[in-house]
Amino acid sequence: MKRCQLSKEDEESLNHKLLLQFQKIDLTKVSYMHVFLPIQKYHEPDTYPIINYVKEFFPKIILVVSRSNFSDYSMQHYILDHQTIFETNEWGIPEPVSGVEVPPLFIDFILVPLLAFDIDGHRVGYGKGFYDRFFALCTLETQRVGLSFFDPIGRIADRNEHDVVLTKAITPNRIYSFSSHGHDTSSKDI
């Protein structure tokens, strides 16, 4: 995995650039934002600076984190606040122990973890389908925004007709936007 080959300095630099790109996203109409917490052993993008940015500059946005159910590959979603208590599950994912549950239909912005994404907005995750099931429970207007240290690959080979594509993907140097049909509709270079 390319992320694991990054030096600590490169990873810190890329995380800082991801935050700068994220700050270009219009959050004025977002009410509930789901944020994944990074699995450190997999060197996922660090979402804590994004969480802190949202708390400081968009305090009306309710941040939401999930707890995974490995028996049916579903997720339950809870408000992230100063009272949230976390435990790390067997996969290394920090998860809320309990809290105020949020229905997926309320969530209008999802930060999505991924291993890779392609030029049409399809993503590769860890293969369990947690986020695909989550997306199916959200509205069609919910923004699905992937975070990646790397640019898209040409085309993911094992697509299927039920895949829900990303609406955006943020990389350290660019924001990619995708239509609901998965075609790149615009992009912004820095």
N, C-alpha and C. Protein backbone atom coordinates (compact mmCIF):
# COMPACT_ATOMS: atom_id res chain seq x y z
N MET A 1 0.85 -1.18 0.00
CA MET A 1 0.00 0.00 0.00
C MET A 1 0.89 1.25 0.00
N LYS A 2 0.63 2.14 -0.93
CA LYS A 2 1.46 3.34 -1.10
C LYS A 2 1.52 4.21 0.16
N ARG A 3 0.40 4.27 0.90
CA ARG A 3 0.38 5.13 2.09
C ARG A 3 1.41 4.69 3.12
N CYS A 4 1.60 3.39 3.25
CA CYS A 4 2.53 2.86 4.26
C CYS A 4 3.98 3.15 3.91
N GLN A 5 4.25 3.53 2.68
CA GLN A 5 5.61 3.83 2.26
C GLN A 5 5.97 5.30 2.47
N LEU A 6 5.00 6.10 2.88
CA LEU A 6 5.26 7.52 3.09
C LEU A 6 6.06 7.73 4.37
N SER A 7 6.97 8.70 4.33
CA SER A 7 7.68 9.07 5.55
C SER A 7 6.71 9.85 6.44
N LYS A 8 7.01 9.94 7.72
CA LYS A 8 6.17 10.69 8.66
C LYS A 8 6.05 12.15 8.20
N GLU A 9 7.14 12.72 7.73
CA GLU A 9 7.14 14.12 7.26
C GLU A 9 6.25 14.28 6.04
N ASP A 10 6.35 13.34 5.09
CA ASP A 10 5.51 13.41 3.90
C ASP A 10 4.03 13.27 4.27
N GLU A 11 3.75 12.36 5.18
CA GLU A 11 2.37 12.16 5.62
C GLU A 11 1.82 13.42 6.27
N GLU A 12 2.60 14.05 7.13
CA GLU A 12 2.16 15.29 7.77
C GLU A 12 1.91 16.39 6.74
N SER A 13 2.79 16.49 5.76
CA SER A 13 2.63 17.50 4.71
C SER A 13 1.36 17.23 3.89
N LEU A 14 1.13 15.97 3.54
CA LEU A 14 -0.05 15.63 2.75
C LEU A 14 -1.33 15.87 3.55
N ASN A 15 -1.32 15.55 4.84
CA ASN A 15 -2.49 15.83 5.68
C ASN A 15 -2.78 17.32 5.76
N HIS A 16 -1.73 18.13 5.87
CA HIS A 16 -1.91 19.59 5.90
C HIS A 16 -2.53 20.08 4.58
N LYS A 17 -2.04 19.55 3.46
CA LYS A 17 -2.58 19.95 2.16
C LYS A 17 -4.03 19.48 1.99
N LEU A 18 -4.36 18.30 2.53
CA LEU A 18 -5.76 17.85 2.49
C LEU A 18 -6.66 18.82 3.24
N LEU A 19 -6.20 19.28 4.39
CA LEU A 19 -6.98 20.25 5.17
C LEU A 19 -7.18 21.53 4.36
N LEU A 20 -6.14 22.03 3.72
CA LEU A 20 -6.27 23.24 2.91
C LEU A 20 -7.27 23.05 1.78
N GLN A 21 -7.25 21.88 1.14
CA GLN A 21 -8.23 21.61 0.08
C GLN A 21 -9.64 21.50 0.67
N PHE A 22 -9.77 20.81 1.80
CA PHE A 22 -11.08 20.67 2.45
C PHE A 22 -11.68 22.03 2.76
N GLN A 23 -10.86 22.98 3.15
CA GLN A 23 -11.34 24.31 3.50
C GLN A 23 -11.95 25.05 2.31
N LYS A 24 -11.76 24.56 1.10
CA LYS A 24 -12.37 25.16 -0.10
C LYS A 24 -13.80 24.67 -0.33
N ILE A 25 -14.20 23.61 0.39
CA ILE A 25 -15.54 23.04 0.22
C ILE A 25 -16.57 23.95 0.89
N ASP A 26 -17.68 24.19 0.21
CA ASP A 26 -18.77 24.99 0.77
C ASP A 26 -19.55 24.14 1.77
N LEU A 27 -19.46 24.50 3.03
CA LEU A 27 -20.15 23.77 4.09
C LEU A 27 -21.35 24.52 4.65
N THR A 28 -21.72 25.63 4.03
CA THR A 28 -22.75 26.50 4.59
C THR A 28 -24.12 25.83 4.71
N LYS A 29 -24.40 24.81 3.88
CA LYS A 29 -25.71 24.15 3.93
C LYS A 29 -25.65 22.79 4.60
N VAL A 30 -24.50 22.44 5.18
CA VAL A 30 -24.35 21.15 5.83
C VAL A 30 -24.88 21.21 7.26
N SER A 31 -25.68 20.23 7.63
CA SER A 31 -26.21 20.15 9.00
C SER A 31 -25.55 19.04 9.81
N TYR A 32 -25.45 17.85 9.21
CA TYR A 32 -24.84 16.69 9.87
C TYR A 32 -23.71 16.16 8.99
N MET A 33 -22.51 16.14 9.53
CA MET A 33 -21.35 15.67 8.79
C MET A 33 -20.78 14.41 9.44
N HIS A 34 -20.79 13.33 8.69
CA HIS A 34 -20.17 12.09 9.16
C HIS A 34 -18.67 12.15 8.86
N VAL A 35 -17.87 11.85 9.88
CA VAL A 35 -16.41 11.87 9.73
C VAL A 35 -15.86 10.51 10.16
N PHE A 36 -15.03 9.91 9.31
CA PHE A 36 -14.37 8.68 9.75
C PHE A 36 -13.16 9.06 10.60
N LEU A 37 -12.84 8.22 11.54
CA LEU A 37 -11.64 8.41 12.34
C LEU A 37 -10.57 7.50 11.77
N PRO A 38 -9.37 8.01 11.58
CA PRO A 38 -8.36 7.25 10.83
C PRO A 38 -7.84 6.01 11.56
N ILE A 39 -7.60 4.97 10.76
CA ILE A 39 -6.93 3.78 11.27
C ILE A 39 -5.43 4.06 11.11
N GLN A 40 -4.78 4.34 12.21
CA GLN A 40 -3.39 4.80 12.15
C GLN A 40 -2.46 3.77 11.55
N LYS A 41 -2.68 2.48 11.83
CA LYS A 41 -1.76 1.46 11.30
C LYS A 41 -1.84 1.35 9.78
N TYR A 42 -2.93 1.86 9.17
CA TYR A 42 -3.06 1.87 7.71
C TYR A 42 -2.71 3.22 7.11
N HIS A 43 -2.26 4.14 7.96
CA HIS A 43 -1.84 5.47 7.51
C HIS A 43 -2.93 6.19 6.72
N GLU A 44 -4.17 6.08 7.21
CA GLU A 44 -5.26 6.79 6.56
C GLU A 44 -5.09 8.29 6.78
N PRO A 45 -5.67 9.11 5.90
CA PRO A 45 -5.61 10.56 6.12
C PRO A 45 -6.14 10.92 7.51
N ASP A 46 -5.47 11.86 8.12
CA ASP A 46 -5.82 12.30 9.48
C ASP A 46 -7.00 13.26 9.42
N THR A 47 -8.14 12.83 9.94
CA THR A 47 -9.34 13.67 9.89
C THR A 47 -9.47 14.58 11.11
N TYR A 48 -8.60 14.43 12.11
CA TYR A 48 -8.73 15.27 13.31
C TYR A 48 -8.55 16.76 13.01
N PRO A 49 -7.61 17.18 12.14
CA PRO A 49 -7.55 18.61 11.80
C PRO A 49 -8.83 19.10 11.12
N ILE A 50 -9.46 18.25 10.32
CA ILE A 50 -10.72 18.62 9.67
C ILE A 50 -11.81 18.77 10.73
N ILE A 51 -11.85 17.83 11.68
CA ILE A 51 -12.83 17.91 12.77
C ILE A 51 -12.65 19.22 13.53
N ASN A 52 -11.43 19.56 13.87
CA ASN A 52 -11.16 20.80 14.61
C ASN A 52 -11.54 22.03 13.80
N TYR A 53 -11.26 22.00 12.50
CA TYR A 53 -11.63 23.12 11.61
C TYR A 53 -13.16 23.31 11.61
N VAL A 54 -13.89 22.22 11.44
CA VAL A 54 -15.36 22.32 11.41
C VAL A 54 -15.88 22.83 12.74
N LYS A 55 -15.36 22.30 13.84
CA LYS A 55 -15.81 22.76 15.17
C LYS A 55 -15.58 24.26 15.35
N GLU A 56 -14.45 24.75 14.87
CA GLU A 56 -14.12 26.16 15.08
C GLU A 56 -14.89 27.10 14.14
N PHE A 57 -14.96 26.75 12.87
CA PHE A 57 -15.52 27.68 11.88
C PHE A 57 -16.97 27.38 11.48
N PHE A 58 -17.46 26.18 11.79
CA PHE A 58 -18.84 25.81 11.46
C PHE A 58 -19.47 25.12 12.67
N PRO A 59 -19.56 25.83 13.80
CA PRO A 59 -20.01 25.18 15.04
C PRO A 59 -21.45 24.67 14.99
N LYS A 60 -22.24 25.11 14.01
CA LYS A 60 -23.62 24.63 13.91
C LYS A 60 -23.70 23.24 13.26
N ILE A 61 -22.62 22.83 12.58
CA ILE A 61 -22.61 21.50 11.97
C ILE A 61 -22.46 20.46 13.09
N ILE A 62 -23.34 19.48 13.06
CA ILE A 62 -23.26 18.38 14.03
C ILE A 62 -22.36 17.30 13.43
N LEU A 63 -21.26 17.02 14.12
CA LEU A 63 -20.33 15.99 13.65
C LEU A 63 -20.80 14.63 14.15
N VAL A 64 -20.64 13.64 13.28
CA VAL A 64 -21.13 12.30 13.54
C VAL A 64 -20.01 11.29 13.26
N VAL A 65 -19.86 10.31 14.14
CA VAL A 65 -18.91 9.21 13.93
C VAL A 65 -19.67 7.90 14.02
N SER A 66 -19.07 6.84 13.53
CA SER A 66 -19.80 5.57 13.47
C SER A 66 -19.17 4.48 14.32
N ARG A 67 -20.00 3.50 14.58
CA ARG A 67 -19.60 2.25 15.24
C ARG A 67 -19.98 1.13 14.27
N SER A 68 -19.05 0.24 14.00
CA SER A 68 -19.28 -0.83 13.03
C SER A 68 -19.83 -2.08 13.69
N ASN A 69 -20.77 -2.71 13.00
CA ASN A 69 -21.32 -3.98 13.43
C ASN A 69 -20.83 -5.03 12.44
N PHE A 70 -19.87 -5.85 12.86
CA PHE A 70 -19.25 -6.80 11.95
C PHE A 70 -20.10 -8.04 11.69
N SER A 71 -21.22 -8.18 12.41
CA SER A 71 -22.09 -9.34 12.14
C SER A 71 -22.93 -9.13 10.88
N ASP A 72 -23.30 -7.87 10.59
CA ASP A 72 -24.09 -7.60 9.38
C ASP A 72 -23.48 -6.49 8.52
N TYR A 73 -22.27 -6.05 8.87
CA TYR A 73 -21.54 -5.01 8.11
C TYR A 73 -22.33 -3.71 8.00
N SER A 74 -23.02 -3.38 9.08
CA SER A 74 -23.73 -2.10 9.13
C SER A 74 -22.99 -1.16 10.08
N MET A 75 -23.43 0.08 10.10
CA MET A 75 -22.84 1.07 11.01
C MET A 75 -23.96 1.81 11.72
N GLN A 76 -23.70 2.12 12.99
CA GLN A 76 -24.58 3.00 13.74
C GLN A 76 -23.82 4.32 13.89
N HIS A 77 -24.54 5.42 13.88
CA HIS A 77 -23.92 6.74 13.83
C HIS A 77 -24.28 7.53 15.08
N TYR A 78 -23.26 8.18 15.67
CA TYR A 78 -23.44 8.89 16.93
C TYR A 78 -22.84 10.30 16.85
N ILE A 79 -23.48 11.22 17.55
CA ILE A 79 -22.97 12.59 17.62
C ILE A 79 -21.61 12.58 18.29
N LEU A 80 -20.68 13.31 17.69
CA LEU A 80 -19.33 13.48 18.25
C LEU A 80 -19.32 14.79 19.04
N ASP A 81 -19.12 14.67 20.35
CA ASP A 81 -19.02 15.86 21.18
C ASP A 81 -18.00 15.61 22.29
N HIS A 82 -17.87 16.55 23.20
CA HIS A 82 -16.86 16.44 24.26
C HIS A 82 -17.12 15.29 25.22
N GLN A 83 -18.32 14.73 25.20
CA GLN A 83 -18.66 13.62 26.09
C GLN A 83 -18.46 12.24 25.44
N THR A 84 -18.15 12.22 24.16
CA THR A 84 -18.02 10.95 23.45
C THR A 84 -16.83 10.17 24.00
N ILE A 85 -17.09 8.93 24.38
CA ILE A 85 -16.04 8.03 24.86
C ILE A 85 -15.76 7.01 23.76
N PHE A 86 -14.48 6.80 23.46
CA PHE A 86 -14.09 5.90 22.39
C PHE A 86 -13.39 4.67 22.91
N GLU A 87 -13.51 3.59 22.15
CA GLU A 87 -12.68 2.41 22.33
C GLU A 87 -12.22 1.99 20.93
N THR A 88 -11.07 1.37 20.87
CA THR A 88 -10.54 0.92 19.59
C THR A 88 -10.97 -0.51 19.37
N ASN A 89 -11.60 -0.77 18.22
CA ASN A 89 -12.07 -2.13 17.95
C ASN A 89 -10.91 -3.00 17.48
N GLU A 90 -11.21 -4.26 17.20
CA GLU A 90 -10.16 -5.22 16.83
C GLU A 90 -9.45 -4.88 15.52
N TRP A 91 -10.04 -4.01 14.72
CA TRP A 91 -9.44 -3.60 13.44
C TRP A 91 -8.62 -2.33 13.57
N GLY A 92 -8.58 -1.78 14.77
CA GLY A 92 -7.81 -0.56 14.99
C GLY A 92 -8.60 0.72 14.74
N ILE A 93 -9.92 0.60 14.67
CA ILE A 93 -10.77 1.76 14.41
C ILE A 93 -11.30 2.32 15.73
N PRO A 94 -11.03 3.62 16.01
CA PRO A 94 -11.64 4.22 17.20
C PRO A 94 -13.14 4.38 16.97
N GLU A 95 -13.93 3.89 17.94
CA GLU A 95 -15.39 3.94 17.79
C GLU A 95 -16.03 4.46 19.07
N PRO A 96 -17.18 5.15 18.93
CA PRO A 96 -17.88 5.61 20.13
C PRO A 96 -18.47 4.42 20.89
N VAL A 97 -18.39 4.48 22.20
CA VAL A 97 -18.96 3.42 23.04
C VAL A 97 -20.49 3.53 23.05
N SER A 98 -20.97 4.76 23.13
CA SER A 98 -22.42 5.02 23.13
C SER A 98 -22.61 6.49 22.79
N GLY A 99 -23.83 6.96 22.91
CA GLY A 99 -24.11 8.36 22.66
C GLY A 99 -25.47 8.56 22.02
N VAL A 100 -25.66 9.74 21.45
CA VAL A 100 -26.91 10.08 20.79
C VAL A 100 -26.83 9.58 19.35
N GLU A 101 -27.71 8.63 19.02
CA GLU A 101 -27.68 8.04 17.68
C GLU A 101 -28.33 8.98 16.67
N VAL A 102 -27.78 8.99 15.45
CA VAL A 102 -28.26 9.84 14.36
C VAL A 102 -28.68 8.94 13.20
N PRO A 103 -29.93 9.08 12.72
CA PRO A 103 -30.36 8.29 11.56
C PRO A 103 -29.58 8.70 10.31
N PRO A 104 -29.23 7.74 9.43
CA PRO A 104 -28.50 8.07 8.21
C PRO A 104 -29.19 9.12 7.34
N LEU A 105 -30.52 9.17 7.36
CA LEU A 105 -31.25 10.15 6.54
C LEU A 105 -30.95 11.59 6.96
N PHE A 106 -30.49 11.80 8.18
CA PHE A 106 -30.16 13.15 8.65
C PHE A 106 -28.81 13.61 8.10
N ILE A 107 -27.95 12.67 7.78
CA ILE A 107 -26.56 12.99 7.43
C ILE A 107 -26.50 13.50 5.99
N ASP A 108 -25.99 14.72 5.82
CA ASP A 108 -25.96 15.30 4.47
C ASP A 108 -24.55 15.45 3.91
N PHE A 109 -23.54 15.04 4.66
CA PHE A 109 -22.15 15.13 4.18
C PHE A 109 -21.37 13.99 4.84
N ILE A 110 -20.71 13.17 4.02
CA ILE A 110 -19.96 12.03 4.52
C ILE A 110 -18.52 12.12 4.04
N LEU A 111 -17.57 12.14 4.97
CA LEU A 111 -16.17 11.98 4.61
C LEU A 111 -15.91 10.48 4.53
N VAL A 112 -15.41 10.04 3.39
CA VAL A 112 -15.32 8.62 3.09
C VAL A 112 -13.86 8.16 3.06
N PRO A 113 -13.53 7.12 3.83
CA PRO A 113 -12.19 6.54 3.71
C PRO A 113 -12.12 5.68 2.45
N LEU A 114 -10.94 5.55 1.88
CA LEU A 114 -10.81 4.73 0.69
C LEU A 114 -9.35 4.33 0.50
N LEU A 115 -9.16 3.27 -0.26
CA LEU A 115 -7.81 2.86 -0.64
C LEU A 115 -7.41 3.52 -1.95
N ALA A 116 -8.40 3.66 -2.85
CA ALA A 116 -8.17 4.29 -4.15
C ALA A 116 -9.52 4.73 -4.71
N PHE A 117 -9.46 5.64 -5.69
CA PHE A 117 -10.68 6.03 -6.41
C PHE A 117 -10.29 6.22 -7.87
N ASP A 118 -11.30 6.18 -8.75
CA ASP A 118 -10.98 6.34 -10.17
C ASP A 118 -11.54 7.65 -10.71
N ILE A 119 -11.26 7.88 -11.98
CA ILE A 119 -11.62 9.16 -12.60
C ILE A 119 -13.12 9.38 -12.71
N ASP A 120 -13.91 8.32 -12.46
CA ASP A 120 -15.37 8.45 -12.51
C ASP A 120 -16.01 8.50 -11.13
N GLY A 121 -15.19 8.49 -10.07
CA GLY A 121 -15.73 8.59 -8.72
C GLY A 121 -16.02 7.27 -8.04
N HIS A 122 -15.68 6.17 -8.67
CA HIS A 122 -15.81 4.87 -8.00
C HIS A 122 -14.66 4.73 -7.02
N ARG A 123 -14.90 4.02 -5.91
CA ARG A 123 -13.88 3.89 -4.88
C ARG A 123 -13.63 2.43 -4.54
N VAL A 124 -12.44 2.20 -4.00
CA VAL A 124 -12.11 0.90 -3.44
C VAL A 124 -11.94 1.12 -1.94
N GLY A 125 -12.69 0.36 -1.15
CA GLY A 125 -12.55 0.41 0.30
C GLY A 125 -11.84 -0.84 0.77
N TYR A 126 -12.21 -1.28 1.96
CA TYR A 126 -11.56 -2.47 2.52
C TYR A 126 -12.32 -3.75 2.22
N GLY A 127 -13.39 -3.65 1.42
CA GLY A 127 -14.04 -4.84 0.90
C GLY A 127 -15.19 -5.41 1.72
N LYS A 128 -15.58 -4.77 2.80
CA LYS A 128 -16.67 -5.30 3.61
C LYS A 128 -18.02 -4.66 3.28
N GLY A 129 -18.02 -3.54 2.54
CA GLY A 129 -19.27 -2.92 2.11
C GLY A 129 -19.96 -2.05 3.14
N PHE A 130 -19.27 -1.70 4.23
CA PHE A 130 -19.90 -0.85 5.25
C PHE A 130 -20.43 0.45 4.65
N TYR A 131 -19.58 1.15 3.89
CA TYR A 131 -20.00 2.44 3.37
C TYR A 131 -21.03 2.31 2.26
N ASP A 132 -20.98 1.26 1.45
CA ASP A 132 -22.02 1.06 0.43
C ASP A 132 -23.38 0.89 1.09
N ARG A 133 -23.43 0.13 2.18
CA ARG A 133 -24.70 -0.04 2.90
C ARG A 133 -25.15 1.28 3.52
N PHE A 134 -24.20 2.03 4.06
CA PHE A 134 -24.49 3.35 4.65
C PHE A 134 -25.05 4.29 3.59
N PHE A 135 -24.39 4.38 2.43
CA PHE A 135 -24.85 5.27 1.35
C PHE A 135 -26.29 4.95 0.96
N ALA A 136 -26.64 3.67 0.93
CA ALA A 136 -27.98 3.26 0.52
C ALA A 136 -29.06 3.77 1.47
N LEU A 137 -28.69 4.09 2.70
CA LEU A 137 -29.64 4.58 3.69
C LEU A 137 -29.75 6.11 3.73
N CYS A 138 -28.89 6.77 2.99
CA CYS A 138 -28.86 8.24 2.96
C CYS A 138 -29.71 8.77 1.80
N THR A 139 -29.90 10.07 1.76
CA THR A 139 -30.65 10.67 0.66
C THR A 139 -29.76 10.77 -0.58
N LEU A 140 -30.36 10.97 -1.72
CA LEU A 140 -29.60 11.14 -2.96
C LEU A 140 -28.77 12.42 -2.95
N GLU A 141 -29.18 13.39 -2.12
CA GLU A 141 -28.47 14.67 -2.05
C GLU A 141 -27.26 14.62 -1.12
N THR A 142 -27.10 13.55 -0.35
CA THR A 142 -25.98 13.46 0.58
C THR A 142 -24.66 13.51 -0.18
N GLN A 143 -23.77 14.39 0.25
CA GLN A 143 -22.46 14.49 -0.38
C GLN A 143 -21.56 13.38 0.15
N ARG A 144 -20.91 12.66 -0.76
CA ARG A 144 -20.00 11.57 -0.42
C ARG A 144 -18.61 11.98 -0.88
N VAL A 145 -17.78 12.38 0.07
CA VAL A 145 -16.50 13.01 -0.24
C VAL A 145 -15.35 12.13 0.24
N GLY A 146 -14.60 11.58 -0.72
CA GLY A 146 -13.46 10.75 -0.39
C GLY A 146 -12.23 11.58 -0.07
N LEU A 147 -11.38 11.06 0.80
CA LEU A 147 -10.10 11.69 1.12
C LEU A 147 -8.99 10.75 0.68
N SER A 148 -8.05 11.26 -0.11
CA SER A 148 -6.96 10.42 -0.60
C SER A 148 -5.67 11.22 -0.70
N PHE A 149 -4.57 10.59 -0.32
CA PHE A 149 -3.27 11.22 -0.51
C PHE A 149 -2.86 11.21 -1.98
N PHE A 150 -3.54 10.41 -2.79
CA PHE A 150 -3.10 10.18 -4.17
C PHE A 150 -4.20 10.52 -5.17
N ASP A 151 -3.79 10.85 -6.40
CA ASP A 151 -4.72 11.14 -7.48
C ASP A 151 -5.45 9.87 -7.92
N PRO A 152 -6.51 10.02 -8.72
CA PRO A 152 -7.29 8.84 -9.12
C PRO A 152 -6.51 7.93 -10.06
N ILE A 153 -6.94 6.66 -10.05
CA ILE A 153 -6.44 5.72 -11.05
C ILE A 153 -7.36 5.84 -12.26
N GLY A 154 -6.99 5.22 -13.36
CA GLY A 154 -7.79 5.34 -14.58
C GLY A 154 -9.21 4.83 -14.44
N ARG A 155 -9.35 3.55 -14.07
CA ARG A 155 -10.69 2.97 -13.95
C ARG A 155 -10.61 1.74 -13.05
N ILE A 156 -11.48 1.68 -12.07
CA ILE A 156 -11.56 0.51 -11.19
C ILE A 156 -12.23 -0.60 -11.98
N ALA A 157 -11.61 -1.76 -11.99
CA ALA A 157 -12.07 -2.86 -12.84
C ALA A 157 -13.36 -3.51 -12.37
N ASP A 158 -13.52 -3.73 -11.08
CA ASP A 158 -14.68 -4.50 -10.61
C ASP A 158 -15.85 -3.63 -10.18
N ARG A 159 -16.27 -2.75 -11.05
CA ARG A 159 -17.45 -1.94 -10.80
C ARG A 159 -18.70 -2.79 -10.96
N ASN A 160 -19.78 -2.35 -10.32
CA ASN A 160 -21.07 -2.97 -10.65
C ASN A 160 -22.14 -1.89 -10.65
N GLU A 161 -23.28 -2.23 -11.19
CA GLU A 161 -24.34 -1.24 -11.41
C GLU A 161 -24.91 -0.66 -10.13
N HIS A 162 -24.68 -1.31 -9.00
CA HIS A 162 -25.22 -0.83 -7.72
C HIS A 162 -24.23 0.05 -6.96
N ASP A 163 -23.03 0.23 -7.50
CA ASP A 163 -22.05 1.09 -6.83
C ASP A 163 -22.60 2.51 -6.71
N VAL A 164 -22.38 3.10 -5.58
CA VAL A 164 -22.72 4.51 -5.38
C VAL A 164 -21.41 5.28 -5.47
N VAL A 165 -21.32 6.16 -6.46
CA VAL A 165 -20.07 6.88 -6.68
C VAL A 165 -19.94 8.05 -5.70
N LEU A 166 -18.71 8.49 -5.54
CA LEU A 166 -18.44 9.67 -4.74
C LEU A 166 -19.01 10.89 -5.44
N THR A 167 -19.34 11.92 -4.69
CA THR A 167 -19.71 13.18 -5.31
C THR A 167 -18.47 14.06 -5.49
N LYS A 168 -17.48 13.84 -4.57
CA LYS A 168 -16.21 14.57 -4.65
C LYS A 168 -15.11 13.68 -4.09
N ALA A 169 -13.90 14.00 -4.48
CA ALA A 169 -12.72 13.39 -3.85
C ALA A 169 -11.71 14.51 -3.64
N ILE A 170 -11.14 14.53 -2.45
CA ILE A 170 -10.15 15.55 -2.12
C ILE A 170 -8.78 14.88 -2.05
N THR A 171 -7.84 15.44 -2.80
CA THR A 171 -6.45 15.03 -2.73
C THR A 171 -5.64 16.23 -2.26
N PRO A 172 -4.37 16.07 -1.94
CA PRO A 172 -3.59 17.22 -1.47
C PRO A 172 -3.49 18.37 -2.47
N ASN A 173 -3.65 18.09 -3.76
CA ASN A 173 -3.47 19.14 -4.76
C ASN A 173 -4.72 19.50 -5.53
N ARG A 174 -5.83 18.80 -5.28
CA ARG A 174 -6.98 19.01 -6.15
C ARG A 174 -8.25 18.47 -5.52
N ILE A 175 -9.37 19.06 -5.90
CA ILE A 175 -10.69 18.54 -5.57
C ILE A 175 -11.32 18.05 -6.87
N TYR A 176 -11.72 16.80 -6.88
CA TYR A 176 -12.41 16.22 -8.04
C TYR A 176 -13.90 16.20 -7.74
N SER A 177 -14.72 16.59 -8.72
CA SER A 177 -16.17 16.54 -8.56
C SER A 177 -16.73 15.58 -9.59
N PHE A 178 -17.74 14.81 -9.17
CA PHE A 178 -18.33 13.80 -10.04
C PHE A 178 -19.84 14.00 -10.10
N SER A 179 -20.40 13.73 -11.25
CA SER A 179 -21.86 13.79 -11.37
C SER A 179 -22.43 12.52 -10.75
N SER A 180 -23.73 12.45 -10.65
CA SER A 180 -24.37 11.26 -10.09
C SER A 180 -24.13 10.04 -10.97
N HIS A 181 -23.73 10.26 -12.22
CA HIS A 181 -23.45 9.15 -13.12
C HIS A 181 -21.99 8.75 -13.08
N GLY A 182 -21.20 9.47 -12.29
CA GLY A 182 -19.82 9.08 -12.11
C GLY A 182 -18.83 9.72 -13.05
N HIS A 183 -19.24 10.69 -13.83
CA HIS A 183 -18.29 11.33 -14.74
C HIS A 183 -17.75 12.60 -14.11
N ASP A 184 -16.45 12.82 -14.26
CA ASP A 184 -15.81 13.99 -13.71
C ASP A 184 -16.40 15.22 -14.37
N THR A 185 -17.07 16.05 -13.57
CA THR A 185 -17.72 17.23 -14.13
C THR A 185 -16.89 18.49 -13.97
N SER A 186 -16.01 18.49 -12.99
CA SER A 186 -15.16 19.65 -12.81
C SER A 186 -14.03 19.28 -11.88
N SER A 187 -13.03 20.11 -11.85
CA SER A 187 -11.96 19.91 -10.89
C SER A 187 -11.31 21.24 -10.62
N LYS A 188 -10.63 21.30 -9.50
CA LYS A 188 -9.98 22.54 -9.11
C LYS A 188 -8.53 22.22 -8.78
N ASP A 189 -7.63 22.81 -9.49
CA ASP A 189 -6.21 22.67 -9.19
C ASP A 189 -5.80 23.79 -8.24
N ILE A 190 -4.75 23.53 -7.47
CA ILE A 190 -4.23 24.63 -6.64
C ILE A 190 -3.10 25.28 -7.40
